[in-house]
Structure formats: C-alpha cells, structure tokens
Amino acid sequence: MDGFRAALRTQRWDDHRYYHHSRINQSLHFVSAISFLFSYGMIFKDPAISALAGWLVAMTTRQCGHFFFEPKDYDTVNHASHEHKEEIKVGYNLRRKLVLLAIWAASPLVLYFDPTLFGIFTPAAGKMDFIHQVAEIWLVIGVGGVLFRTVQLFFVKDVQTGLVWATKILTDPFHDIKLYHKAPLALMRGELIDPGIGVEVAEWEEEEEVEHEELPRLT
C-alpha cells in the first residue's frame, strides 16, 4: 500500500510540475474539477446529464488549457523539452488526447448512419432523444478511455502503474481544487505563469540530492 501511495504522489507531482505552469490552464482545471464533481454527483441520478457535463464543460475546459495555454517550449524549470515530457507521459499525452477527442467528436455521426446503433437504441423520436443517446455514447467513451489506457499500462508498464493512473484520473477533480483554487485570483493579478512551481521543483531536487547522498564511510 505504501508503494501504491508513493507512486500516486509521484504521478500527481509529475503531472503538476510538467503540465500545469500556466495560470490560465490552472484556472481552467479548477473550473473543470468543479464540473467533474457535478458530473460525479449526477452519474447515478441522470447518466446522460453527467456525460454532457463531463464532456462539454469539464473535458473541454481542461483540454483547452493544455492545448492552447500551456507553454510548449523548453521547460527550464524541469530541464526538459516538450517532446521529452510527451514521451514519458504516463497517461494521455497530447497525441493520444487528439485521438480520444476525435473519437468523441465523431461519435454522433454513428447515429446518423445507423440510428439504432447496431440495434442498441430505438431510433430517436426528436432532438431530446438524440441528445440523450449521444450522451450515453459519450459516457461509454469516457469510461472506455480510462479502462483502455489502464489496461494498456498493465502491458507497457506494470499493473500497479495502470491502477495508480486510474486512481489519479478519478480523484483528479478533488486534487485539482486543492491545488488550483487560488489560480483565478493570481490570474486576475496578471500572473500568467505560476512562479511557485520553480520553487517546488528546486525543493524537490534538493530533497532528492539529500536522499541519494552517500553516507560517510567508517574508517
């Protein structure tokens, strides 16, 4: 269990320090987190509303932050290029996100060509029926996207990495509110890049050096 918690802390820390420098991105993540909590609360009451809120608000704000506002030049704080960060990303990097978002955006077209979706649905009688069916498809895509990457990580990494990532994804809304609730105020002050990340990384590097420092040998 201690190893699981340590791995979860590491994945959360890497995600924060590598991919959340922009105050705009952080603010959008704060909005996204609140939207996801609403989606979580609605999933057993009205799964369709849950899916619509999750995809149209929570996912849209979250991914806009990553695609349009997060710096993609050389990361001097972490001494890493954007390409390197994308290569070592445990979850969905930008390329994988594009594939997932393309599937999400194109999914309503399936109902245009087959209104029954291979016999699963009764053809929609109106706009509200159609929206409800699209929302159900989006819910499946969301759950499937998490399960697919989790199982994929079982093979490309190991089982613990996959389970840790799935846990991180499901609990990110709670963690993001804790991390980024002050970001909108900082943004209104004109702060576009979080200066605290550089301090956090420096402290982390110092702790790493202390932990790996060889103990004096007895003579």
C-alpha atoms as a PDB file:
ATOM      1  CA  MET A   1       0.000   0.000   0.000  1.00  0.00           C
ATOM      2  CA  ASP A   2       2.875   2.373   0.797  1.00  0.00           C
ATOM      3  CA  GLY A   3       4.316   1.718  -2.658  1.00  0.00           C
ATOM      4  CA  PHE A   4       0.950   2.483  -4.252  1.00  0.00           C
ATOM      5  CA  ARG A   5       0.639   5.770  -2.367  1.00  0.00           C
ATOM      6  CA  ALA A   6       4.198   6.750  -3.239  1.00  0.00           C
ATOM      7  CA  ALA A   7       3.561   6.007  -6.926  1.00  0.00           C
ATOM      8  CA  LEU A   8       0.344   8.048  -6.804  1.00  0.00           C
ATOM      9  CA  ARG A   9       2.202  11.002  -5.289  1.00  0.00           C
ATOM     10  CA  THR A  10       4.861  10.714  -7.988  1.00  0.00           C
ATOM     11  CA  GLN A  11       2.332  10.656 -10.846  1.00  0.00           C
ATOM     12  CA  ARG A  12       0.480  13.629  -9.382  1.00  0.00           C
ATOM     13  CA  TRP A  13       3.721  15.547  -8.834  1.00  0.00           C
ATOM     14  CA  ASP A  14       4.986  14.875 -12.367  1.00  0.00           C
ATOM     15  CA  ASP A  15       1.646  15.912 -13.849  1.00  0.00           C
ATOM     16  CA  HIS A  16       1.654  19.160 -11.867  1.00  0.00           C
ATOM     17  CA  ARG A  17       5.251  20.192 -12.464  1.00  0.00           C
ATOM     18  CA  TYR A  18       5.376  19.244 -16.140  1.00  0.00           C
ATOM     19  CA  TYR A  19       1.914  20.213 -17.395  1.00  0.00           C
ATOM     20  CA  HIS A  20       0.451  22.976 -15.220  1.00  0.00           C
ATOM     21  CA  HIS A  21       2.675  26.028 -15.424  1.00  0.00           C
ATOM     22  CA  SER A  22       0.078  28.356 -16.952  1.00  0.00           C
ATOM     23  CA  ARG A  23      -2.258  30.168 -14.578  1.00  0.00           C
ATOM     24  CA  ILE A  24      -4.909  30.080 -17.321  1.00  0.00           C
ATOM     25  CA  ASN A  25      -4.531  26.313 -17.554  1.00  0.00           C
ATOM     26  CA  GLN A  26      -4.714  26.017 -13.769  1.00  0.00           C
ATOM     27  CA  SER A  27      -7.843  28.193 -13.652  1.00  0.00           C
ATOM     28  CA  LEU A  28      -9.500  26.113 -16.355  1.00  0.00           C
ATOM     29  CA  HIS A  29      -8.604  22.987 -14.390  1.00  0.00           C
ATOM     30  CA  PHE A  30     -10.304  24.493 -11.356  1.00  0.00           C
ATOM     31  CA  VAL A  31     -13.482  25.050 -13.403  1.00  0.00           C
ATOM     32  CA  SER A  32     -13.105  21.571 -14.885  1.00  0.00           C
ATOM     33  CA  ALA A  33     -12.750  19.999 -11.444  1.00  0.00           C
ATOM     34  CA  ILE A  34     -15.954  21.604 -10.188  1.00  0.00           C
ATOM     35  CA  SER A  35     -17.746  20.426 -13.337  1.00  0.00           C
ATOM     36  CA  PHE A  36     -16.449  16.891 -12.888  1.00  0.00           C
ATOM     37  CA  LEU A  37     -17.699  16.822  -9.294  1.00  0.00           C
ATOM     38  CA  PHE A  38     -21.135  17.812 -10.580  1.00  0.00           C
ATOM     39  CA  SER A  39     -20.815  15.049 -13.162  1.00  0.00           C
ATOM     40  CA  TYR A  40     -19.866  12.540 -10.460  1.00  0.00           C
ATOM     41  CA  GLY A  41     -22.889  13.558  -8.428  1.00  0.00           C
ATOM     42  CA  MET A  42     -25.252  13.153 -11.383  1.00  0.00           C
ATOM     43  CA  ILE A  43     -23.957   9.867 -12.748  1.00  0.00           C
ATOM     44  CA  PHE A  44     -26.355   7.683 -10.731  1.00  0.00           C
ATOM     45  CA  LYS A  45     -29.262  10.124 -10.935  1.00  0.00           C
ATOM     46  CA  ASP A  46     -29.035  11.029 -14.639  1.00  0.00           C
ATOM     47  CA  PRO A  47     -26.099   9.462 -16.522  1.00  0.00           C
ATOM     48  CA  ALA A  48     -26.881  11.462 -19.655  1.00  0.00           C
ATOM     49  CA  ILE A  49     -26.590  14.805 -17.862  1.00  0.00           C
ATOM     50  CA  SER A  50     -23.443  13.515 -16.187  1.00  0.00           C
ATOM     51  CA  ALA A  51     -21.881  12.706 -19.560  1.00  0.00           C
ATOM     52  CA  LEU A  52     -22.896  16.031 -21.108  1.00  0.00           C
ATOM     53  CA  ALA A  53     -21.431  17.991 -18.195  1.00  0.00           C
ATOM     54  CA  GLY A  54     -18.309  15.839 -18.177  1.00  0.00           C
ATOM     55  CA  TRP A  55     -17.545  16.163 -21.875  1.00  0.00           C
ATOM     56  CA  LEU A  56     -18.951  19.568 -22.858  1.00  0.00           C
ATOM     57  CA  VAL A  57     -17.770  21.508 -19.804  1.00  0.00           C
ATOM     58  CA  ALA A  58     -15.229  19.573 -17.740  1.00  0.00           C
ATOM     59  CA  MET A  59     -13.235  17.967 -20.553  1.00  0.00           C
ATOM     60  CA  THR A  60     -13.471  20.983 -22.864  1.00  0.00           C
ATOM     61  CA  THR A  61     -12.112  23.449 -20.309  1.00  0.00           C
ATOM     62  CA  ARG A  62      -9.428  21.021 -19.164  1.00  0.00           C
ATOM     63  CA  GLN A  63      -8.105  20.203 -22.612  1.00  0.00           C
ATOM     64  CA  CYS A  64      -8.298  23.802 -23.864  1.00  0.00           C
ATOM     65  CA  GLY A  65      -5.946  24.655 -21.022  1.00  0.00           C
ATOM     66  CA  HIS A  66      -3.447  22.047 -22.150  1.00  0.00           C
ATOM     67  CA  PHE A  67      -3.671  22.609 -25.904  1.00  0.00           C
ATOM     68  CA  PHE A  68      -3.838  26.400 -26.082  1.00  0.00           C
ATOM     69  CA  PHE A  69      -2.341  27.906 -22.947  1.00  0.00           C
ATOM     70  CA  GLU A  70       0.293  25.572 -21.518  1.00  0.00           C
ATOM     71  CA  PRO A  71       3.836  26.507 -22.688  1.00  0.00           C
ATOM     72  CA  LYS A  72       5.339  24.030 -25.131  1.00  0.00           C
ATOM     73  CA  ASP A  73       8.833  25.442 -25.414  1.00  0.00           C
ATOM     74  CA  TYR A  74      11.820  24.151 -23.464  1.00  0.00           C
ATOM     75  CA  ASP A  75      10.921  23.726 -19.791  1.00  0.00           C
ATOM     76  CA  THR A  76      13.802  25.412 -17.970  1.00  0.00           C
ATOM     77  CA  VAL A  77      12.254  24.674 -14.568  1.00  0.00           C
ATOM     78  CA  ASN A  78      12.324  20.908 -15.094  1.00  0.00           C
ATOM     79  CA  HIS A  79      15.213  20.877 -17.606  1.00  0.00           C
ATOM     80  CA  ALA A  80      13.076  19.005 -20.146  1.00  0.00           C
ATOM     81  CA  SER A  81      11.897  19.579 -23.692  1.00  0.00           C
ATOM     82  CA  HIS A  82       8.224  19.377 -24.577  1.00  0.00           C
ATOM     83  CA  GLU A  83       8.984  16.312 -26.703  1.00  0.00           C
ATOM     84  CA  HIS A  84      10.632  14.551 -23.759  1.00  0.00           C
ATOM     85  CA  LYS A  85       7.669  15.267 -21.490  1.00  0.00           C
ATOM     86  CA  GLU A  86       5.266  13.944 -24.091  1.00  0.00           C
ATOM     87  CA  GLU A  87       7.351  10.781 -24.456  1.00  0.00           C
ATOM     88  CA  ILE A  88       7.399   9.965 -20.730  1.00  0.00           C
ATOM     89  CA  LYS A  89       3.773  10.967 -20.065  1.00  0.00           C
ATOM     90  CA  VAL A  90       2.072   8.097 -18.238  1.00  0.00           C
ATOM     91  CA  GLY A  91      -1.499   8.896 -19.224  1.00  0.00           C
ATOM     92  CA  TYR A  92      -2.865  10.608 -22.297  1.00  0.00           C
ATOM     93  CA  ASN A  93      -0.280  12.877 -23.907  1.00  0.00           C
ATOM     94  CA  LEU A  94      -1.438  15.444 -26.479  1.00  0.00           C
ATOM     95  CA  ARG A  95      -1.289  12.980 -29.362  1.00  0.00           C
ATOM     96  CA  ARG A  96      -3.365  10.385 -27.513  1.00  0.00           C
ATOM     97  CA  LYS A  97      -5.780  13.092 -26.404  1.00  0.00           C
ATOM     98  CA  LEU A  98      -6.295  14.135 -30.013  1.00  0.00           C
ATOM     99  CA  VAL A  99      -7.255  10.573 -30.913  1.00  0.00           C
ATOM    100  CA  LEU A 100      -9.666  10.336 -27.975  1.00  0.00           C
ATOM    101  CA  LEU A 101     -11.209  13.730 -28.717  1.00  0.00           C
ATOM    102  CA  ALA A 102     -11.586  12.846 -32.389  1.00  0.00           C
ATOM    103  CA  ILE A 103     -13.488   9.683 -31.430  1.00  0.00           C
ATOM    104  CA  TRP A 104     -15.677  11.732 -29.077  1.00  0.00           C
ATOM    105  CA  ALA A 105     -16.411  14.429 -31.672  1.00  0.00           C
ATOM    106  CA  ALA A 106     -17.162  11.948 -34.447  1.00  0.00           C
ATOM    107  CA  SER A 107     -19.290   9.589 -32.346  1.00  0.00           C
ATOM    108  CA  PRO A 108     -22.656  11.330 -33.040  1.00  0.00           C
ATOM    109  CA  LEU A 109     -22.165  10.569 -36.742  1.00  0.00           C
ATOM    110  CA  VAL A 110     -22.663   6.884 -35.963  1.00  0.00           C
ATOM    111  CA  LEU A 111     -26.291   7.613 -35.109  1.00  0.00           C
ATOM    112  CA  TYR A 112     -26.707   9.452 -38.402  1.00  0.00           C
ATOM    113  CA  PHE A 113     -25.692   6.362 -40.382  1.00  0.00           C
ATOM    114  CA  ASP A 114     -27.340   3.878 -38.008  1.00  0.00           C
ATOM    115  CA  PRO A 115     -29.989   5.432 -35.722  1.00  0.00           C
ATOM    116  CA  THR A 116     -30.261   2.155 -33.795  1.00  0.00           C
ATOM    117  CA  LEU A 117     -26.505   1.847 -33.192  1.00  0.00           C
ATOM    118  CA  PHE A 118     -26.483  -1.796 -34.251  1.00  0.00           C
ATOM    119  CA  GLY A 119     -29.795  -2.461 -32.515  1.00  0.00           C
ATOM    120  CA  ILE A 120     -28.901  -0.918 -29.147  1.00  0.00           C
ATOM    121  CA  PHE A 121     -31.180   2.132 -29.440  1.00  0.00           C
ATOM    122  CA  THR A 122     -34.690   2.785 -30.637  1.00  0.00           C
ATOM    123  CA  PRO A 123     -34.418   5.484 -33.359  1.00  0.00           C
ATOM    124  CA  ALA A 124     -34.667   8.917 -31.753  1.00  0.00           C
ATOM    125  CA  ALA A 125     -38.139  10.446 -31.959  1.00  0.00           C
ATOM    126  CA  GLY A 126     -36.841  14.006 -31.543  1.00  0.00           C
ATOM    127  CA  LYS A 127     -33.897  16.211 -30.620  1.00  0.00           C
ATOM    128  CA  MET A 128     -34.016  15.372 -26.923  1.00  0.00           C
ATOM    129  CA  ASP A 129     -33.956  11.636 -27.623  1.00  0.00           C
ATOM    130  CA  PHE A 130     -30.998  12.144 -29.945  1.00  0.00           C
ATOM    131  CA  ILE A 131     -29.102  14.222 -27.359  1.00  0.00           C
ATOM    132  CA  HIS A 132     -29.799  11.603 -24.705  1.00  0.00           C
ATOM    133  CA  GLN A 133     -28.442   8.839 -26.936  1.00  0.00           C
ATOM    134  CA  VAL A 134     -25.336  10.855 -27.805  1.00  0.00           C
ATOM    135  CA  ALA A 135     -24.756  11.460 -24.096  1.00  0.00           C
ATOM    136  CA  GLU A 136     -24.929   7.718 -23.421  1.00  0.00           C
ATOM    137  CA  ILE A 137     -22.360   7.115 -26.166  1.00  0.00           C
ATOM    138  CA  TRP A 138     -20.104   9.775 -24.637  1.00  0.00           C
ATOM    139  CA  LEU A 139     -20.421   8.150 -21.233  1.00  0.00           C
ATOM    140  CA  VAL A 140     -19.225   4.856 -22.701  1.00  0.00           C
ATOM    141  CA  ILE A 141     -16.342   6.608 -24.480  1.00  0.00           C
ATOM    142  CA  GLY A 142     -15.279   8.296 -21.230  1.00  0.00           C
ATOM    143  CA  VAL A 143     -15.333   5.094 -19.204  1.00  0.00           C
ATOM    144  CA  GLY A 144     -13.761   3.182 -22.075  1.00  0.00           C
ATOM    145  CA  GLY A 145     -10.961   5.719 -22.438  1.00  0.00           C
ATOM    146  CA  VAL A 146      -9.954   5.277 -18.806  1.00  0.00           C
ATOM    147  CA  LEU A 147     -10.215   1.480 -18.933  1.00  0.00           C
ATOM    148  CA  PHE A 148      -8.305   1.250 -22.230  1.00  0.00           C
ATOM    149  CA  ARG A 149      -5.312   3.242 -21.015  1.00  0.00           C
ATOM    150  CA  THR A 150      -5.346   1.484 -17.647  1.00  0.00           C
ATOM    151  CA  VAL A 151      -5.129  -1.964 -19.264  1.00  0.00           C
ATOM    152  CA  GLN A 152      -2.607  -0.698 -21.809  1.00  0.00           C
ATOM    153  CA  LEU A 153      -0.375   0.433 -18.952  1.00  0.00           C
ATOM    154  CA  PHE A 154      -0.593  -3.063 -17.471  1.00  0.00           C
ATOM    155  CA  PHE A 155       1.360  -4.252 -20.521  1.00  0.00           C
ATOM    156  CA  VAL A 156       3.629  -1.315 -21.388  1.00  0.00           C
ATOM    157  CA  LYS A 157       4.492  -0.587 -17.736  1.00  0.00           C
ATOM    158  CA  ASP A 158       3.041  -2.785 -14.985  1.00  0.00           C
ATOM    159  CA  VAL A 159      -0.242  -3.426 -13.186  1.00  0.00           C
ATOM    160  CA  GLN A 160       0.474  -1.006 -10.357  1.00  0.00           C
ATOM    161  CA  THR A 161       1.235   1.850 -12.760  1.00  0.00           C
ATOM    162  CA  GLY A 162      -2.085   1.284 -14.510  1.00  0.00           C
ATOM    163  CA  LEU A 163      -4.081   1.130 -11.281  1.00  0.00           C
ATOM    164  CA  VAL A 164      -2.294   4.178  -9.884  1.00  0.00           C
ATOM    165  CA  TRP A 165      -3.041   6.154 -13.051  1.00  0.00           C
ATOM    166  CA  ALA A 166      -6.728   5.162 -12.970  1.00  0.00           C
ATOM    167  CA  THR A 167      -6.909   6.224  -9.315  1.00  0.00           C
ATOM    168  CA  LYS A 168      -5.226   9.521 -10.145  1.00  0.00           C
ATOM    169  CA  ILE A 169      -7.625  10.254 -13.013  1.00  0.00           C
ATOM    170  CA  LEU A 170     -10.721   9.526 -10.917  1.00  0.00           C
ATOM    171  CA  THR A 171      -9.513  11.614  -7.970  1.00  0.00           C
ATOM    172  CA  ASP A 172      -8.002  14.476 -10.003  1.00  0.00           C
ATOM    173  CA  PRO A 173     -11.062  16.747  -9.553  1.00  0.00           C
ATOM    174  CA  PHE A 174     -10.617  16.722  -5.771  1.00  0.00           C
ATOM    175  CA  HIS A 175      -6.864  17.207  -6.021  1.00  0.00           C
ATOM    176  CA  ASP A 176      -7.133  19.946  -8.670  1.00  0.00           C
ATOM    177  CA  ILE A 177      -9.455  22.019  -6.487  1.00  0.00           C
ATOM    178  CA  LYS A 178      -6.905  21.788  -3.680  1.00  0.00           C
ATOM    179  CA  LEU A 179      -4.015  22.730  -5.979  1.00  0.00           C
ATOM    180  CA  TYR A 180      -5.547  25.361  -8.229  1.00  0.00           C
ATOM    181  CA  HIS A 181      -8.300  27.135  -6.281  1.00  0.00           C
ATOM    182  CA  LYS A 182      -6.082  30.218  -5.961  1.00  0.00           C
ATOM    183  CA  ALA A 183      -5.156  30.291  -9.662  1.00  0.00           C
ATOM    184  CA  PRO A 184      -8.076  32.512 -10.823  1.00  0.00           C
ATOM    185  CA  LEU A 185      -7.097  35.217  -8.297  1.00  0.00           C
ATOM    186  CA  ALA A 186      -3.446  35.001  -9.351  1.00  0.00           C
ATOM    187  CA  LEU A 187      -4.529  35.283 -12.978  1.00  0.00           C
ATOM    188  CA  MET A 188      -6.579  38.401 -12.230  1.00  0.00           C
ATOM    189  CA  ARG A 189      -3.420  39.911 -10.741  1.00  0.00           C
ATOM    190  CA  GLY A 190      -1.769  39.427 -14.131  1.00  0.00           C
ATOM    191  CA  GLU A 191       0.290  36.371 -13.216  1.00  0.00           C
ATOM    192  CA  LEU A 192       0.362  34.172 -16.322  1.00  0.00           C
ATOM    193  CA  ILE A 193       2.940  31.607 -15.150  1.00  0.00           C
ATOM    194  CA  ASP A 194       2.961  30.033 -11.701  1.00  0.00           C
ATOM    195  CA  PRO A 195       6.269  31.043 -10.035  1.00  0.00           C
ATOM    196  CA  GLY A 196       5.694  28.534  -7.259  1.00  0.00           C
ATOM    197  CA  ILE A 197       6.440  25.550  -9.492  1.00  0.00           C
ATOM    198  CA  GLY A 198      10.068  26.599  -9.823  1.00  0.00           C
ATOM    199  CA  VAL A 199      10.349  26.783  -6.032  1.00  0.00           C
ATOM    200  CA  GLU A 200       8.658  23.392  -5.607  1.00  0.00           C
ATOM    201  CA  VAL A 201      10.948  21.759  -8.173  1.00  0.00           C
ATOM    202  CA  ALA A 202      14.054  23.249  -6.540  1.00  0.00           C
ATOM    203  CA  GLU A 203      12.945  21.926  -3.137  1.00  0.00           C
ATOM    204  CA  TRP A 204      12.189  18.520  -4.648  1.00  0.00           C
ATOM    205  CA  GLU A 205      15.608  18.359  -6.347  1.00  0.00           C
ATOM    206  CA  GLU A 206      17.287  19.305  -3.080  1.00  0.00           C
ATOM    207  CA  GLU A 207      15.409  16.541  -1.239  1.00  0.00           C
ATOM    208  CA  GLU A 208      16.407  14.060  -3.952  1.00  0.00           C
ATOM    209  CA  GLU A 209      20.061  15.006  -3.582  1.00  0.00           C
ATOM    210  CA  VAL A 210      19.918  14.551   0.187  1.00  0.00           C
ATOM    211  CA  GLU A 211      18.235  11.141  -0.133  1.00  0.00           C
ATOM    212  CA  HIS A 212      20.805   9.872  -2.635  1.00  0.00           C
ATOM    213  CA  GLU A 213      23.824  11.341  -0.922  1.00  0.00           C
ATOM    214  CA  GLU A 214      26.226   8.654   0.192  1.00  0.00           C
ATOM    215  CA  LEU A 215      26.686   8.288   3.925  1.00  0.00           C
ATOM    216  CA  PRO A 216      30.227   8.889   5.260  1.00  0.00           C
ATOM    217  CA  ARG A 217      32.169   5.654   5.308  1.00  0.00           C
ATOM    218  CA  LEU A 218      33.633   4.403   8.586  1.00  0.00           C
ATOM    219  CA  THR A 219      37.406   4.198   8.608  1.00  0.00           C
END
